[in-house]
Amino acid sequence: MNNYRSHPLVLVLRVIVPVIFAVGWATWNSQQRAQMIKDNWKPVQAVVQDARLLETDWKGEKVSMLTVDYDYTMGKQVFHGSKRFQTNEAAEASEHYKKGTKFTVYSNPEDPASSRLESDLPK
C-alpha cells in the first residue's frame, strides 16, 4: 500500500510552502519596519566618538568585531549610541567609521535615546 504522507507533493505542501511563506513574511515585515523608521524617525547627524576593532582567532578562523560609539543631539540633549559590526562587515565598516567621522542616524522622536544607523535598515 502506498503511503500518501511520503509523496513529494505532500512534503512540498506541508513543509516547503510554510517555510517560503515565513521567509517572505519576515522579509516583508522587516522592509515595512525599515520604511516606518525612515518615514517617522528623525534623521540626525552623529559623530563617531570611538571605534574599536577586535580581531582574534577562533577555531582556526579569523574573527573580527568592530564596536562604534557615537553621539548625536536631539533638541538640546546629547545622546549616545553604539553599533557592533560582525566579521564579514567589520573590516569595511572600520574604514568608514573612524573617530570624528560624521554620519546620519535615525532617532525615534518618542524615545530619542533609540537610534538606528541607516546600514541597520534593510534596503
PDB file of N, CA and C in Angstrom:
ATOM      1  N   MET A   1       0.834  -1.177   0.000  1.00  0.00           N
ATOM      2  CA  MET A   1       0.000   0.000   0.000  1.00  0.00           C
ATOM      3  C   MET A   1       0.880   1.242   0.000  1.00  0.00           C
ATOM      4  N   ASN A   2       0.588   2.176  -0.834  1.00  0.00           N
ATOM      5  CA  ASN A   2       1.365   3.395  -0.985  1.00  0.00           C
ATOM      6  C   ASN A   2       0.958   4.395   0.104  1.00  0.00           C
ATOM      7  N   ASN A   3       1.938   4.886   0.842  1.00  0.00           N
ATOM      8  CA  ASN A   3       1.679   5.836   1.914  1.00  0.00           C
ATOM      9  C   ASN A   3       1.688   7.244   1.331  1.00  0.00           C
ATOM     10  N   TYR A   4       0.538   7.937   1.389  1.00  0.00           N
ATOM     11  CA  TYR A   4       0.434   9.272   0.790  1.00  0.00           C
ATOM     12  C   TYR A   4       1.314  10.294   1.507  1.00  0.00           C
ATOM     13  N   ARG A   5       1.656  10.046   2.766  1.00  0.00           N
ATOM     14  CA  ARG A   5       2.466  11.006   3.525  1.00  0.00           C
ATOM     15  C   ARG A   5       3.889  11.116   2.986  1.00  0.00           C
ATOM     16  N   SER A   6       4.349  10.123   2.299  1.00  0.00           N
ATOM     17  CA  SER A   6       5.705  10.152   1.750  1.00  0.00           C
ATOM     18  C   SER A   6       5.733  10.701   0.323  1.00  0.00           C
ATOM     19  N   HIS A   7       4.596  11.042  -0.202  1.00  0.00           N
ATOM     20  CA  HIS A   7       4.527  11.583  -1.560  1.00  0.00           C
ATOM     21  C   HIS A   7       5.210  12.955  -1.590  1.00  0.00           C
ATOM     22  N   PRO A   8       6.012  13.249  -2.623  1.00  0.00           N
ATOM     23  CA  PRO A   8       6.731  14.526  -2.700  1.00  0.00           C
ATOM     24  C   PRO A   8       5.821  15.751  -2.639  1.00  0.00           C
ATOM     25  N   LEU A   9       4.641  15.668  -3.199  1.00  0.00           N
ATOM     26  CA  LEU A   9       3.724  16.805  -3.168  1.00  0.00           C
ATOM     27  C   LEU A   9       3.287  17.132  -1.733  1.00  0.00           C
ATOM     28  N   VAL A  10       3.093  16.100  -0.929  1.00  0.00           N
ATOM     29  CA  VAL A  10       2.724  16.307   0.473  1.00  0.00           C
ATOM     30  C   VAL A  10       3.868  17.008   1.203  1.00  0.00           C
ATOM     31  N   LEU A  11       5.097  16.611   0.914  1.00  0.00           N
ATOM     32  CA  LEU A  11       6.263  17.255   1.512  1.00  0.00           C
ATOM     33  C   LEU A  11       6.287  18.736   1.141  1.00  0.00           C
ATOM     34  N   VAL A  12       6.050  19.034  -0.112  1.00  0.00           N
ATOM     35  CA  VAL A  12       6.052  20.427  -0.570  1.00  0.00           C
ATOM     36  C   VAL A  12       4.969  21.221   0.150  1.00  0.00           C
ATOM     37  N   LEU A  13       3.776  20.679   0.235  1.00  0.00           N
ATOM     38  CA  LEU A  13       2.651  21.397   0.821  1.00  0.00           C
ATOM     39  C   LEU A  13       2.770  21.548   2.341  1.00  0.00           C
ATOM     40  N   ARG A  14       3.335  20.560   3.016  1.00  0.00           N
ATOM     41  CA  ARG A  14       3.384  20.592   4.480  1.00  0.00           C
ATOM     42  C   ARG A  14       4.648  21.222   5.042  1.00  0.00           C
ATOM     43  N   VAL A  15       5.726  21.260   4.272  1.00  0.00           N
ATOM     44  CA  VAL A  15       6.990  21.760   4.805  1.00  0.00           C
ATOM     45  C   VAL A  15       7.503  22.962   4.018  1.00  0.00           C
ATOM     46  N   ILE A  16       7.701  22.809   2.755  1.00  0.00           N
ATOM     47  CA  ILE A  16       8.374  23.831   1.958  1.00  0.00           C
ATOM     48  C   ILE A  16       7.518  25.087   1.803  1.00  0.00           C
ATOM     49  N   VAL A  17       6.234  24.949   1.529  1.00  0.00           N
ATOM     50  CA  VAL A  17       5.368  26.123   1.362  1.00  0.00           C
ATOM     51  C   VAL A  17       5.326  26.966   2.641  1.00  0.00           C
ATOM     52  N   PRO A  18       5.126  26.371   3.841  1.00  0.00           N
ATOM     53  CA  PRO A  18       5.151  27.203   5.056  1.00  0.00           C
ATOM     54  C   PRO A  18       6.495  27.900   5.290  1.00  0.00           C
ATOM     55  N   VAL A  19       7.594  27.251   4.948  1.00  0.00           N
ATOM     56  CA  VAL A  19       8.911  27.875   5.110  1.00  0.00           C
ATOM     57  C   VAL A  19       9.030  29.073   4.168  1.00  0.00           C
ATOM     58  N   ILE A  20       8.624  28.903   2.927  1.00  0.00           N
ATOM     59  CA  ILE A  20       8.674  30.010   1.964  1.00  0.00           C
ATOM     60  C   ILE A  20       7.792  31.158   2.445  1.00  0.00           C
ATOM     61  N   PHE A  21       6.609  30.830   2.952  1.00  0.00           N
ATOM     62  CA  PHE A  21       5.709  31.859   3.465  1.00  0.00           C
ATOM     63  C   PHE A  21       6.359  32.605   4.638  1.00  0.00           C
ATOM     64  N   ALA A  22       6.962  31.875   5.579  1.00  0.00           N
ATOM     65  CA  ALA A  22       7.580  32.503   6.757  1.00  0.00           C
ATOM     66  C   ALA A  22       8.736  33.420   6.361  1.00  0.00           C
ATOM     67  N   VAL A  23       9.572  32.986   5.442  1.00  0.00           N
ATOM     68  CA  VAL A  23      10.692  33.819   4.984  1.00  0.00           C
ATOM     69  C   VAL A  23      10.167  35.062   4.270  1.00  0.00           C
ATOM     70  N   GLY A  24       9.164  34.888   3.437  1.00  0.00           N
ATOM     71  CA  GLY A  24       8.576  36.026   2.738  1.00  0.00           C
ATOM     72  C   GLY A  24       7.958  37.011   3.712  1.00  0.00           C
ATOM     73  N   TRP A  25       7.251  36.503   4.714  1.00  0.00           N
ATOM     74  CA  TRP A  25       6.634  37.367   5.716  1.00  0.00           C
ATOM     75  C   TRP A  25       7.692  38.135   6.496  1.00  0.00           C
ATOM     76  N   ALA A  26       8.759  37.463   6.916  1.00  0.00           N
ATOM     77  CA  ALA A  26       9.822  38.121   7.675  1.00  0.00           C
ATOM     78  C   ALA A  26      10.493  39.209   6.839  1.00  0.00           C
ATOM     79  N   THR A  27      10.722  38.936   5.577  1.00  0.00           N
ATOM     80  CA  THR A  27      11.336  39.930   4.688  1.00  0.00           C
ATOM     81  C   THR A  27      10.416  41.128   4.507  1.00  0.00           C
ATOM     82  N   TRP A  28       9.152  40.870   4.231  1.00  0.00           N
ATOM     83  CA  TRP A  28       8.187  41.958   4.051  1.00  0.00           C
ATOM     84  C   TRP A  28       8.077  42.777   5.330  1.00  0.00           C
ATOM     85  N   ASN A  29       8.016  42.102   6.483  1.00  0.00           N
ATOM     86  CA  ASN A  29       7.870  42.784   7.763  1.00  0.00           C
ATOM     87  C   ASN A  29       9.082  43.664   8.053  1.00  0.00           C
ATOM     88  N   SER A  30      10.292  43.182   7.790  1.00  0.00           N
ATOM     89  CA  SER A  30      11.485  43.990   8.049  1.00  0.00           C
ATOM     90  C   SER A  30      11.552  45.176   7.092  1.00  0.00           C
ATOM     91  N   GLN A  31      11.099  45.003   5.873  1.00  0.00           N
ATOM     92  CA  GLN A  31      11.064  46.121   4.928  1.00  0.00           C
ATOM     93  C   GLN A  31      10.041  47.164   5.362  1.00  0.00           C
ATOM     94  N   GLN A  32       8.897  46.718   5.875  1.00  0.00           N
ATOM     95  CA  GLN A  32       7.880  47.650   6.365  1.00  0.00           C
ATOM     96  C   GLN A  32       8.401  48.421   7.574  1.00  0.00           C
ATOM     97  N   ARG A  33       9.104  47.728   8.483  1.00  0.00           N
ATOM     98  CA  ARG A  33       9.674  48.383   9.671  1.00  0.00           C
ATOM     99  C   ARG A  33      10.727  49.399   9.254  1.00  0.00           C
ATOM    100  N   ALA A  34      11.567  49.040   8.306  1.00  0.00           N
ATOM    101  CA  ALA A  34      12.594  49.968   7.827  1.00  0.00           C
ATOM    102  C   ALA A  34      11.951  51.207   7.224  1.00  0.00           C
ATOM    103  N   GLN A  35      10.891  51.019   6.447  1.00  0.00           N
ATOM    104  CA  GLN A  35      10.212  52.163   5.844  1.00  0.00           C
ATOM    105  C   GLN A  35       9.558  53.024   6.914  1.00  0.00           C
ATOM    106  N   MET A  36       8.976  52.390   7.941  1.00  0.00           N
ATOM    107  CA  MET A  36       8.360  53.133   9.035  1.00  0.00           C
ATOM    108  C   MET A  36       9.412  53.977   9.766  1.00  0.00           C
ATOM    109  N   ILE A  37      10.590  53.415   9.996  1.00  0.00           N
ATOM    110  CA  ILE A  37      11.656  54.166  10.659  1.00  0.00           C
ATOM    111  C   ILE A  37      12.076  55.351   9.793  1.00  0.00           C
ATOM    112  N   LYS A  38      12.287  55.110   8.501  1.00  0.00           N
ATOM    113  CA  LYS A  38      12.696  56.202   7.613  1.00  0.00           C
ATOM    114  C   LYS A  38      11.628  57.280   7.516  1.00  0.00           C
ATOM    115  N   ASP A  39      10.342  56.888   7.559  1.00  0.00           N
ATOM    116  CA  ASP A  39       9.254  57.851   7.438  1.00  0.00           C
ATOM    117  C   ASP A  39       8.982  58.616   8.735  1.00  0.00           C
ATOM    118  N   ASN A  40       9.181  57.969   9.890  1.00  0.00           N
ATOM    119  CA  ASN A  40       8.744  58.545  11.153  1.00  0.00           C
ATOM    120  C   ASN A  40       9.864  58.938  12.111  1.00  0.00           C
ATOM    121  N   TRP A  41      11.024  58.342  11.978  1.00  0.00           N
ATOM    122  CA  TRP A  41      12.130  58.696  12.856  1.00  0.00           C
ATOM    123  C   TRP A  41      12.894  59.847  12.224  1.00  0.00           C
ATOM    124  N   LYS A  42      13.513  60.644  13.057  1.00  0.00           N
ATOM    125  CA  LYS A  42      14.186  61.849  12.570  1.00  0.00           C
ATOM    126  C   LYS A  42      15.644  61.553  12.210  1.00  0.00           C
ATOM    127  N   PRO A  43      16.058  61.888  10.966  1.00  0.00           N
ATOM    128  CA  PRO A  43      17.480  61.740  10.635  1.00  0.00           C
ATOM    129  C   PRO A  43      18.265  62.864  11.318  1.00  0.00           C
ATOM    130  N   VAL A  44      19.307  62.478  12.038  1.00  0.00           N
ATOM    131  CA  VAL A  44      20.155  63.453  12.724  1.00  0.00           C
ATOM    132  C   VAL A  44      21.614  63.106  12.471  1.00  0.00           C
ATOM    133  N   GLN A  45      22.463  64.117  12.602  1.00  0.00           N
ATOM    134  CA  GLN A  45      23.891  63.896  12.391  1.00  0.00           C
ATOM    135  C   GLN A  45      24.514  63.332  13.670  1.00  0.00           C
ATOM    136  N   ALA A  46      25.307  62.302  13.497  1.00  0.00           N
ATOM    137  CA  ALA A  46      26.035  61.693  14.605  1.00  0.00           C
ATOM    138  C   ALA A  46      27.531  61.833  14.336  1.00  0.00           C
ATOM    139  N   VAL A  47      28.314  61.718  15.405  1.00  0.00           N
ATOM    140  CA  VAL A  47      29.776  61.799  15.294  1.00  0.00           C
ATOM    141  C   VAL A  47      30.375  60.607  16.026  1.00  0.00           C
ATOM    142  N   VAL A  48      31.280  59.903  15.357  1.00  0.00           N
ATOM    143  CA  VAL A  48      31.955  58.767  15.973  1.00  0.00           C
ATOM    144  C   VAL A  48      32.863  59.273  17.090  1.00  0.00           C
ATOM    145  N   GLN A  49      32.658  58.740  18.290  1.00  0.00           N
ATOM    146  CA  GLN A  49      33.498  59.086  19.434  1.00  0.00           C
ATOM    147  C   GLN A  49      34.634  58.087  19.610  1.00  0.00           C
ATOM    148  N   ASP A  50      34.347  56.826  19.253  1.00  0.00           N
ATOM    149  CA  ASP A  50      35.364  55.781  19.396  1.00  0.00           C
ATOM    150  C   ASP A  50      35.004  54.630  18.466  1.00  0.00           C
ATOM    151  N   ALA A  51      35.991  53.973  17.924  1.00  0.00           N
ATOM    152  CA  ALA A  51      35.795  52.787  17.084  1.00  0.00           C
ATOM    153  C   ALA A  51      36.890  51.790  17.440  1.00  0.00           C
ATOM    154  N   ARG A  52      36.474  50.612  17.916  1.00  0.00           N
ATOM    155  CA  ARG A  52      37.423  49.589  18.351  1.00  0.00           C
ATOM    156  C   ARG A  52      37.238  48.329  17.513  1.00  0.00           C
ATOM    157  N   LEU A  53      38.322  47.922  16.872  1.00  0.00           N
ATOM    158  CA  LEU A  53      38.307  46.702  16.063  1.00  0.00           C
ATOM    159  C   LEU A  53      39.029  45.612  16.831  1.00  0.00           C
ATOM    160  N   LEU A  54      38.337  44.547  17.127  1.00  0.00           N
ATOM    161  CA  LEU A  54      38.909  43.400  17.823  1.00  0.00           C
ATOM    162  C   LEU A  54      39.021  42.255  16.831  1.00  0.00           C
ATOM    163  N   GLU A  55      40.226  41.726  16.692  1.00  0.00           N
ATOM    164  CA  GLU A  55      40.440  40.581  15.806  1.00  0.00           C
ATOM    165  C   GLU A  55      41.075  39.466  16.608  1.00  0.00           C
ATOM    166  N   THR A  56      40.558  38.261  16.430  1.00  0.00           N
ATOM    167  CA  THR A  56      41.082  37.107  17.151  1.00  0.00           C
ATOM    168  C   THR A  56      40.909  35.862  16.295  1.00  0.00           C
ATOM    169  N   ASP A  57      41.538  34.800  16.690  1.00  0.00           N
ATOM    170  CA  ASP A  57      41.355  33.505  16.030  1.00  0.00           C
ATOM    171  C   ASP A  57      40.411  32.666  16.878  1.00  0.00           C
ATOM    172  N   TRP A  58      39.438  32.079  16.227  1.00  0.00           N
ATOM    173  CA  TRP A  58      38.503  31.199  16.904  1.00  0.00           C
ATOM    174  C   TRP A  58      38.323  29.960  16.060  1.00  0.00           C
ATOM    175  N   LYS A  59      38.751  28.838  16.601  1.00  0.00           N
ATOM    176  CA  LYS A  59      38.692  27.550  15.895  1.00  0.00           C
ATOM    177  C   LYS A  59      39.386  27.627  14.541  1.00  0.00           C
ATOM    178  N   GLY A  60      40.521  28.321  14.514  1.00  0.00           N
ATOM    179  CA  GLY A  60      41.321  28.397  13.301  1.00  0.00           C
ATOM    180  C   GLY A  60      40.868  29.431  12.289  1.00  0.00           C
ATOM    181  N   GLU A  61      39.819  30.191  12.597  1.00  0.00           N
ATOM    182  CA  GLU A  61      39.340  31.213  11.674  1.00  0.00           C
ATOM    183  C   GLU A  61      39.501  32.590  12.291  1.00  0.00           C
ATOM    184  N   LYS A  62      39.793  33.564  11.442  1.00  0.00           N
ATOM    185  CA  LYS A  62      39.907  34.951  11.884  1.00  0.00           C
ATOM    186  C   LYS A  62      38.500  35.512  12.125  1.00  0.00           C
ATOM    187  N   VAL A  63      38.316  36.061  13.315  1.00  0.00           N
ATOM    188  CA  VAL A  63      37.029  36.640  13.687  1.00  0.00           C
ATOM    189  C   VAL A  63      37.269  38.106  14.019  1.00  0.00           C
ATOM    190  N   SER A  64      36.444  38.994  13.458  1.00  0.00           N
ATOM    191  CA  SER A  64      36.580  40.427  13.694  1.00  0.00           C
ATOM    192  C   SER A  64      35.265  40.992  14.210  1.00  0.00           C
ATOM    193  N   MET A  65      35.376  41.953  15.129  1.00  0.00           N
ATOM    194  CA  MET A  65      34.205  42.679  15.597  1.00  0.00           C
ATOM    195  C   MET A  65      34.600  44.139  15.791  1.00  0.00           C
ATOM    196  N   LEU A  66      33.817  45.017  15.207  1.00  0.00           N
ATOM    197  CA  LEU A  66      34.037  46.453  15.340  1.00  0.00           C
ATOM    198  C   LEU A  66      32.917  47.020  16.204  1.00  0.00           C
ATOM    199  N   THR A  67      33.280  47.773  17.233  1.00  0.00           N
ATOM    200  CA  THR A  67      32.299  48.490  18.048  1.00  0.00           C
ATOM    201  C   THR A  67      32.478  49.972  17.796  1.00  0.00           C
ATOM    202  N   VAL A  68      31.406  50.620  17.363  1.00  0.00           N
ATOM    203  CA  VAL A  68      31.419  52.050  17.078  1.00  0.00           C
ATOM    204  C   VAL A  68      30.531  52.748  18.110  1.00  0.00           C
ATOM    205  N   ASP A  69      31.111  53.679  18.850  1.00  0.00           N
ATOM    206  CA  ASP A  69      30.359  54.508  19.787  1.00  0.00           C
ATOM    207  C   ASP A  69      30.188  55.882  19.163  1.00  0.00           C
ATOM    208  N   TYR A  70      28.977  56.399  19.210  1.00  0.00           N
ATOM    209  CA  TYR A  70      28.701  57.692  18.582  1.00  0.00           C
ATOM    210  C   TYR A  70      27.768  58.526  19.454  1.00  0.00           C
ATOM    211  N   ASP A  71      27.809  59.836  19.246  1.00  0.00           N
ATOM    212  CA  ASP A  71      26.922  60.779  19.920  1.00  0.00           C
ATOM    213  C   ASP A  71      26.107  61.514  18.872  1.00  0.00           C
ATOM    214  N   TYR A  72      24.890  61.883  19.253  1.00  0.00           N
ATOM    215  CA  TYR A  72      24.025  62.688  18.400  1.00  0.00           C
ATOM    216  C   TYR A  72      23.167  63.571  19.300  1.00  0.00           C
ATOM    217  N   THR A  73      22.644  64.650  18.734  1.00  0.00           N
ATOM    218  CA  THR A  73      21.875  65.614  19.505  1.00  0.00           C
ATOM    219  C   THR A  73      20.447  65.676  18.990  1.00  0.00           C
ATOM    220  N   MET A  74      19.511  65.617  19.919  1.00  0.00           N
ATOM    221  CA  MET A  74      18.083  65.847  19.627  1.00  0.00           C
ATOM    222  C   MET A  74      17.652  66.994  20.527  1.00  0.00           C
ATOM    223  N   GLY A  75      17.226  68.082  19.916  1.00  0.00           N
ATOM    224  CA  GLY A  75      16.924  69.269  20.708  1.00  0.00           C
ATOM    225  C   GLY A  75      18.212  69.793  21.309  1.00  0.00           C
ATOM    226  N   LYS A  76      18.230  69.930  22.622  1.00  0.00           N
ATOM    227  CA  LYS A  76      19.440  70.400  23.311  1.00  0.00           C
ATOM    228  C   LYS A  76      20.135  69.275  24.074  1.00  0.00           C
ATOM    229  N   GLN A  77      19.639  68.046  23.896  1.00  0.00           N
ATOM    230  CA  GLN A  77      20.185  66.927  24.655  1.00  0.00           C
ATOM    231  C   GLN A  77      21.062  66.036  23.769  1.00  0.00           C
ATOM    232  N   VAL A  78      22.203  65.636  24.322  1.00  0.00           N
ATOM    233  CA  VAL A  78      23.127  64.753  23.621  1.00  0.00           C
ATOM    234  C   VAL A  78      22.834  63.308  24.036  1.00  0.00           C
ATOM    235  N   PHE A  79      22.769  62.433  23.048  1.00  0.00           N
ATOM    236  CA  PHE A  79      22.522  61.016  23.288  1.00  0.00           C
ATOM    237  C   PHE A  79      23.709  60.204  22.784  1.00  0.00           C
ATOM    238  N   HIS A  80      23.843  59.006  23.328  1.00  0.00           N
ATOM    239  CA  HIS A  80      24.943  58.111  22.967  1.00  0.00           C
ATOM    240  C   HIS A  80      24.363  56.858  22.333  1.00  0.00           C
ATOM    241  N   GLY A  81      24.992  56.398  21.274  1.00  0.00           N
ATOM    242  CA  GLY A  81      24.601  55.154  20.631  1.00  0.00           C
ATOM    243  C   GLY A  81      25.820  54.290  20.397  1.00  0.00           C
ATOM    244  N   SER A  82      25.571  53.027  20.140  1.00  0.00           N
ATOM    245  CA  SER A  82      26.657  52.083  19.895  1.00  0.00           C
ATOM    246  C   SER A  82      26.186  51.062  18.870  1.00  0.00           C
ATOM    247  N   LYS A  83      27.091  50.640  18.016  1.00  0.00           N
ATOM    248  CA  LYS A  83      26.778  49.657  16.981  1.00  0.00           C
ATOM    249  C   LYS A  83      27.927  48.684  16.878  1.00  0.00           C
ATOM    250  N   ARG A  84      27.603  47.388  16.794  1.00  0.00           N
ATOM    251  CA  ARG A  84      28.618  46.349  16.592  1.00  0.00           C
ATOM    252  C   ARG A  84      28.485  45.774  15.196  1.00  0.00           C
ATOM    253  N   PHE A  85      29.620  45.661  14.547  1.00  0.00           N
ATOM    254  CA  PHE A  85      29.685  45.033  13.229  1.00  0.00           C
ATOM    255  C   PHE A  85      30.419  43.716  13.384  1.00  0.00           C
ATOM    256  N   GLN A  86      29.900  42.658  12.789  1.00  0.00           N
ATOM    257  CA  GLN A  86      30.493  41.332  12.900  1.00  0.00           C
ATOM    258  C   GLN A  86      31.512  41.094  11.779  1.00  0.00           C
ATOM    259  N   THR A  87      32.103  39.939  11.798  1.00  0.00           N
ATOM    260  CA  THR A  87      33.231  39.560  10.953  1.00  0.00           C
ATOM    261  C   THR A  87      33.137  40.024   9.511  1.00  0.00           C
ATOM    262  N   ASN A  88      32.063  39.662   8.812  1.00  0.00           N
ATOM    263  CA  ASN A  88      32.016  39.934   7.370  1.00  0.00           C
ATOM    264  C   ASN A  88      31.870  41.413   7.036  1.00  0.00           C
ATOM    265  N   GLU A  89      31.468  42.236   7.985  1.00  0.00           N
ATOM    266  CA  GLU A  89      31.327  43.655   7.690  1.00  0.00           C
ATOM    267  C   GLU A  89      32.246  44.539   8.527  1.00  0.00           C
ATOM    268  N   ALA A  90      32.971  43.972   9.474  1.00  0.00           N
ATOM    269  CA  ALA A  90      33.786  44.763  10.401  1.00  0.00           C
ATOM    270  C   ALA A  90      34.922  45.504   9.701  1.00  0.00           C
ATOM    271  N   ALA A  91      35.640  44.848   8.810  1.00  0.00           N
ATOM    272  CA  ALA A  91      36.781  45.485   8.149  1.00  0.00           C
ATOM    273  C   ALA A  91      36.324  46.676   7.296  1.00  0.00           C
ATOM    274  N   GLU A  92      35.268  46.474   6.524  1.00  0.00           N
ATOM    275  CA  GLU A  92      34.759  47.562   5.680  1.00  0.00           C
ATOM    276  C   GLU A  92      34.239  48.711   6.549  1.00  0.00           C
ATOM    277  N   ALA A  93      33.518  48.384   7.607  1.00  0.00           N
ATOM    278  CA  ALA A  93      32.972  49.421   8.489  1.00  0.00           C
ATOM    279  C   ALA A  93      34.081  50.181   9.205  1.00  0.00           C
ATOM    280  N   SER A  94      35.179  49.504   9.526  1.00  0.00           N
ATOM    281  CA  SER A  94      36.278  50.182  10.230  1.00  0.00           C
ATOM    282  C   SER A  94      36.906  51.272   9.371  1.00  0.00           C
ATOM    283  N   GLU A  95      36.827  51.126   8.052  1.00  0.00           N
ATOM    284  CA  GLU A  95      37.325  52.165   7.151  1.00  0.00           C
ATOM    285  C   GLU A  95      36.377  53.366   7.112  1.00  0.00           C
ATOM    286  N   HIS A  96      35.098  53.105   7.299  1.00  0.00           N
ATOM    287  CA  HIS A  96      34.083  54.160   7.196  1.00  0.00           C
ATOM    288  C   HIS A  96      33.878  54.911   8.515  1.00  0.00           C
ATOM    289  N   TYR A  97      33.884  54.185   9.638  1.00  0.00           N
ATOM    290  CA  TYR A  97      33.567  54.788  10.936  1.00  0.00           C
ATOM    291  C   TYR A  97      34.832  55.019  11.757  1.00  0.00           C
ATOM    292  N   LYS A  98      35.561  56.050  11.416  1.00  0.00           N
ATOM    293  CA  LYS A  98      36.756  56.444  12.177  1.00  0.00           C
ATOM    294  C   LYS A  98      36.379  57.564  13.134  1.00  0.00           C
ATOM    295  N   LYS A  99      37.148  57.699  14.214  1.00  0.00           N
ATOM    296  CA  LYS A  99      36.866  58.728  15.210  1.00  0.00           C
ATOM    297  C   LYS A  99      36.741  60.100  14.533  1.00  0.00           C
ATOM    298  N   GLY A 100      35.656  60.812  14.883  1.00  0.00           N
ATOM    299  CA  GLY A 100      35.408  62.137  14.317  1.00  0.00           C
ATOM    300  C   GLY A 100      34.552  62.132  13.060  1.00  0.00           C
ATOM    301  N   THR A 101      34.324  60.957  12.471  1.00  0.00           N
ATOM    302  CA  THR A 101      33.512  60.861  11.260  1.00  0.00           C
ATOM    303  C   THR A 101      32.062  61.226  11.568  1.00  0.00           C
ATOM    304  N   LYS A 102      31.474  62.022  10.693  1.00  0.00           N
ATOM    305  CA  LYS A 102      30.065  62.397  10.826  1.00  0.00           C
ATOM    306  C   LYS A 102      29.239  61.527   9.882  1.00  0.00           C
ATOM    307  N   PHE A 103      28.074  61.103  10.375  1.00  0.00           N
ATOM    308  CA  PHE A 103      27.179  60.274   9.566  1.00  0.00           C
ATOM    309  C   PHE A 103      25.756  60.449  10.078  1.00  0.00           C
ATOM    310  N   THR A 104      24.789  59.913   9.356  1.00  0.00           N
ATOM    311  CA  THR A 104      23.379  60.061   9.714  1.00  0.00           C
ATOM    312  C   THR A 104      22.889  58.840  10.484  1.00  0.00           C
ATOM    313  N   VAL A 105      22.158  59.099  11.567  1.00  0.00           N
ATOM    314  CA  VAL A 105      21.405  58.065  12.265  1.00  0.00           C
ATOM    315  C   VAL A 105      19.947  58.491  12.274  1.00  0.00           C
ATOM    316  N   TYR A 106      19.060  57.531  12.477  1.00  0.00           N
ATOM    317  CA  TYR A 106      17.643  57.824  12.636  1.00  0.00           C
ATOM    318  C   TYR A 106      17.314  57.685  14.109  1.00  0.00           C
ATOM    319  N   SER A 107      16.707  58.739  14.701  1.00  0.00           N
ATOM    320  CA  SER A 107      16.359  58.748  16.109  1.00  0.00           C
ATOM    321  C   SER A 107      14.840  58.778  16.266  1.00  0.00           C
ATOM    322  N   ASN A 108      14.347  57.996  17.208  1.00  0.00           N
ATOM    323  CA  ASN A 108      12.922  57.904  17.473  1.00  0.00           C
ATOM    324  C   ASN A 108      12.471  59.155  18.227  1.00  0.00           C
ATOM    325  N   PRO A 109      11.597  59.988  17.647  1.00  0.00           N
ATOM    326  CA  PRO A 109      11.158  61.209  18.328  1.00  0.00           C
ATOM    327  C   PRO A 109      10.451  60.931  19.656  1.00  0.00           C
ATOM    328  N   GLU A 110       9.817  59.761  19.782  1.00  0.00           N
ATOM    329  CA  GLU A 110       9.130  59.404  21.026  1.00  0.00           C
ATOM    330  C   GLU A 110      10.082  58.862  22.076  1.00  0.00           C
ATOM    331  N   ASP A 111      11.245  58.407  21.657  1.00  0.00           N
ATOM    332  CA  ASP A 111      12.277  57.893  22.564  1.00  0.00           C
ATOM    333  C   ASP A 111      13.634  58.242  21.944  1.00  0.00           C
ATOM    334  N   PRO A 112      14.067  59.500  22.115  1.00  0.00           N
ATOM    335  CA  PRO A 112      15.271  59.978  21.421  1.00  0.00           C
ATOM    336  C   PRO A 112      16.540  59.185  21.714  1.00  0.00           C
ATOM    337  N   ALA A 113      16.558  58.420  22.792  1.00  0.00           N
ATOM    338  CA  ALA A 113      17.736  57.603  23.099  1.00  0.00           C
ATOM    339  C   ALA A 113      17.832  56.390  22.168  1.00  0.00           C
ATOM    340  N   SER A 114      16.767  56.096  21.424  1.00  0.00           N
ATOM    341  CA  SER A 114      16.772  54.987  20.457  1.00  0.00           C
ATOM    342  C   SER A 114      17.209  55.511  19.100  1.00  0.00           C
ATOM    343  N   SER A 115      18.210  54.870  18.535  1.00  0.00           N
ATOM    344  CA  SER A 115      18.689  55.282  17.216  1.00  0.00           C
ATOM    345  C   SER A 115      19.071  54.065  16.398  1.00  0.00           C
ATOM    346  N   ARG A 116      19.052  54.246  15.086  1.00  0.00           N
ATOM    347  CA  ARG A 116      19.444  53.193  14.143  1.00  0.00           C
ATOM    348  C   ARG A 116      20.319  53.819  13.067  1.00  0.00           C
ATOM    349  N   LEU A 117      21.378  53.119  12.731  1.00  0.00           N
ATOM    350  CA  LEU A 117      22.176  53.524  11.584  1.00  0.00           C
ATOM    351  C   LEU A 117      21.424  53.144  10.330  1.00  0.00           C
ATOM    352  N   GLU A 118      21.650  53.869   9.250  1.00  0.00           N
ATOM    353  CA  GLU A 118      20.972  53.532   8.004  1.00  0.00           C
ATOM    354  C   GLU A 118      21.351  52.123   7.557  1.00  0.00           C
ATOM    355  N   SER A 119      22.568  51.698   7.869  1.00  0.00           N
ATOM    356  CA  SER A 119      23.005  50.350   7.477  1.00  0.00           C
ATOM    357  C   SER A 119      22.244  49.262   8.240  1.00  0.00           C
ATOM    358  N   ASP A 120      21.578  49.622   9.348  1.00  0.00           N
ATOM    359  CA  ASP A 120      20.760  48.660  10.107  1.00  0.00           C
ATOM    360  C   ASP A 120      19.441  48.374   9.404  1.00  0.00           C
ATOM    361  N   LEU A 121      19.054  49.260   8.502  1.00  0.00           N
ATOM    362  CA  LEU A 121      17.748  49.148   7.864  1.00  0.00           C
ATOM    363  C   LEU A 121      17.857  48.362   6.570  1.00  0.00           C
ATOM    364  N   PRO A 122      17.016  47.340   6.393  1.00  0.00           N
ATOM    365  CA  PRO A 122      17.057  46.595   5.147  1.00  0.00           C
ATOM    366  C   PRO A 122      16.768  47.513   3.965  1.00  0.00           C
ATOM    367  N   LYS A 123      17.384  47.213   2.848  1.00  0.00           N
ATOM    368  CA  LYS A 123      17.177  48.031   1.637  1.00  0.00           C
ATOM    369  C   LYS A 123      15.824  47.742   1.054  1.00  0.00           C
TER     370      LYS A 123
END
